[in-house]
Amino acid sequence: MCCAFLALVLFGPRLFGVFWWIFQPLRWQAAFNNWIGLYWIWPTLGIVFLPWTTIMYVIVAPGGVNGWDWLWIGLMLLADIASYTGGFGRKRIPGYEGY
């Protein structure tokens, strides 16, 4: 069960982002067209390293990022950081080895 949850957390947003990019490439191009260089480099790096933040950026960027949009992007950045920490700081159960 733990492995299934871990796979879902790690690969779920990445697979979603890849399939969304495949099925709606114009939306992704509209979101990343103003970036310097080839427009596919930043979304690829975003899907690999910060998938939740990249997905939220694609949602809000075509109309321009302003106001409350920064809040949503920041929350998704926190979600990406939380997925990388893996429960660091959780209290340990006494007597449980955690194999």
Protein backbone atom coordinates (compact mmCIF):
# COMPACT_ATOMS: atom_id res chain seq x y z
CA MET A 1 0.00 0.00 0.00
CA CYS A 2 2.82 2.37 0.84
CA CYS A 3 4.53 1.73 -2.49
CA ALA A 4 1.31 2.41 -4.41
CA PHE A 5 0.85 5.71 -2.57
CA LEU A 6 4.47 6.67 -3.18
CA ALA A 7 4.15 5.87 -6.89
CA LEU A 8 0.96 7.91 -7.09
CA VAL A 9 2.58 10.90 -5.36
CA LEU A 10 5.75 10.75 -7.46
CA PHE A 11 4.39 9.85 -10.89
CA GLY A 12 0.78 11.07 -10.76
CA PRO A 13 1.33 14.79 -11.39
CA ARG A 14 4.12 14.08 -13.86
CA LEU A 15 1.97 11.72 -15.93
CA PHE A 16 -0.93 14.15 -15.76
CA GLY A 17 1.31 16.98 -16.97
CA VAL A 18 2.75 14.93 -19.81
CA PHE A 19 -0.67 13.78 -21.03
CA TRP A 20 -2.08 17.29 -20.72
CA TRP A 21 0.85 18.61 -22.74
CA ILE A 22 0.25 15.95 -25.41
CA PHE A 23 -3.49 16.61 -25.69
CA GLN A 24 -3.43 20.44 -25.35
CA PRO A 25 -0.07 21.63 -26.70
CA LEU A 26 -1.38 25.08 -27.61
CA ARG A 27 -2.24 25.86 -23.97
CA TRP A 28 1.28 24.89 -22.90
CA GLN A 29 2.77 26.91 -25.74
CA ALA A 30 0.67 29.93 -24.70
CA ALA A 31 1.87 29.61 -21.11
CA PHE A 32 5.57 29.28 -21.93
CA ASN A 33 5.83 31.20 -25.22
CA ASN A 34 7.18 34.39 -23.61
CA TRP A 35 10.17 32.61 -22.04
CA ILE A 36 13.55 33.06 -23.65
CA GLY A 37 14.74 30.09 -25.68
CA LEU A 38 12.88 27.08 -26.89
CA TYR A 39 9.48 26.90 -25.25
CA TRP A 40 9.73 23.17 -24.46
CA ILE A 41 12.78 23.38 -22.14
CA TRP A 42 11.06 25.10 -19.18
CA PRO A 43 7.94 22.91 -19.18
CA THR A 44 10.08 19.78 -19.39
CA LEU A 45 12.22 20.86 -16.44
CA GLY A 46 9.08 21.89 -14.57
CA ILE A 47 7.37 18.52 -15.08
CA VAL A 48 10.49 16.68 -13.92
CA PHE A 49 11.35 18.78 -10.85
CA LEU A 50 8.26 20.84 -9.87
CA PRO A 51 5.21 19.15 -11.41
CA TRP A 52 2.47 20.71 -9.23
CA THR A 53 3.88 24.21 -9.68
CA THR A 54 4.18 23.73 -13.44
CA ILE A 55 0.60 22.48 -13.74
CA MET A 56 -0.70 25.46 -11.77
CA TYR A 57 1.40 27.83 -13.87
CA VAL A 58 -0.13 26.41 -17.05
CA ILE A 59 -3.59 26.94 -15.56
CA VAL A 60 -3.05 30.61 -14.65
CA ALA A 61 -0.38 31.86 -17.09
CA PRO A 62 -2.26 32.27 -20.40
CA GLY A 63 -4.26 35.19 -18.92
CA GLY A 64 -1.21 36.64 -17.21
CA VAL A 65 0.04 35.92 -13.71
CA ASN A 66 -1.09 38.61 -11.26
CA GLY A 67 -2.86 39.03 -7.94
CA TRP A 68 -4.18 35.82 -6.41
CA ASP A 69 -2.47 33.72 -9.09
CA TRP A 70 0.78 34.05 -7.15
CA LEU A 71 -0.91 32.55 -4.09
CA TRP A 72 -1.95 29.44 -6.04
CA ILE A 73 1.49 29.05 -7.56
CA GLY A 74 3.07 29.43 -4.11
CA LEU A 75 0.75 26.80 -2.62
CA MET A 76 1.68 24.37 -5.37
CA LEU A 77 5.36 25.10 -4.75
CA LEU A 78 4.77 24.11 -1.13
CA ALA A 79 3.05 20.93 -2.36
CA ASP A 80 6.13 20.10 -4.46
CA ILE A 81 8.43 20.69 -1.51
CA ALA A 82 6.19 18.56 0.73
CA SER A 83 6.28 15.70 -1.78
CA TYR A 84 10.08 15.77 -1.73
CA THR A 85 10.42 15.85 2.06
CA GLY A 86 8.60 12.54 2.49
CA GLY A 87 7.23 13.20 5.96
CA PHE A 88 10.41 14.58 7.44
CA GLY A 89 9.75 15.72 10.97
CA ARG A 90 6.94 13.27 11.66
CA LYS A 91 6.90 11.88 15.15
CA ARG A 92 8.12 8.32 15.45
CA ILE A 93 5.96 5.67 17.09
CA PRO A 94 7.83 4.28 20.11
CA GLY A 95 8.86 0.66 19.62
CA TYR A 96 8.18 0.65 15.88
CA GLU A 97 11.17 -0.01 13.66
CA GLY A 98 9.49 1.01 10.43
CA TYR A 99 10.70 -1.67 8.06
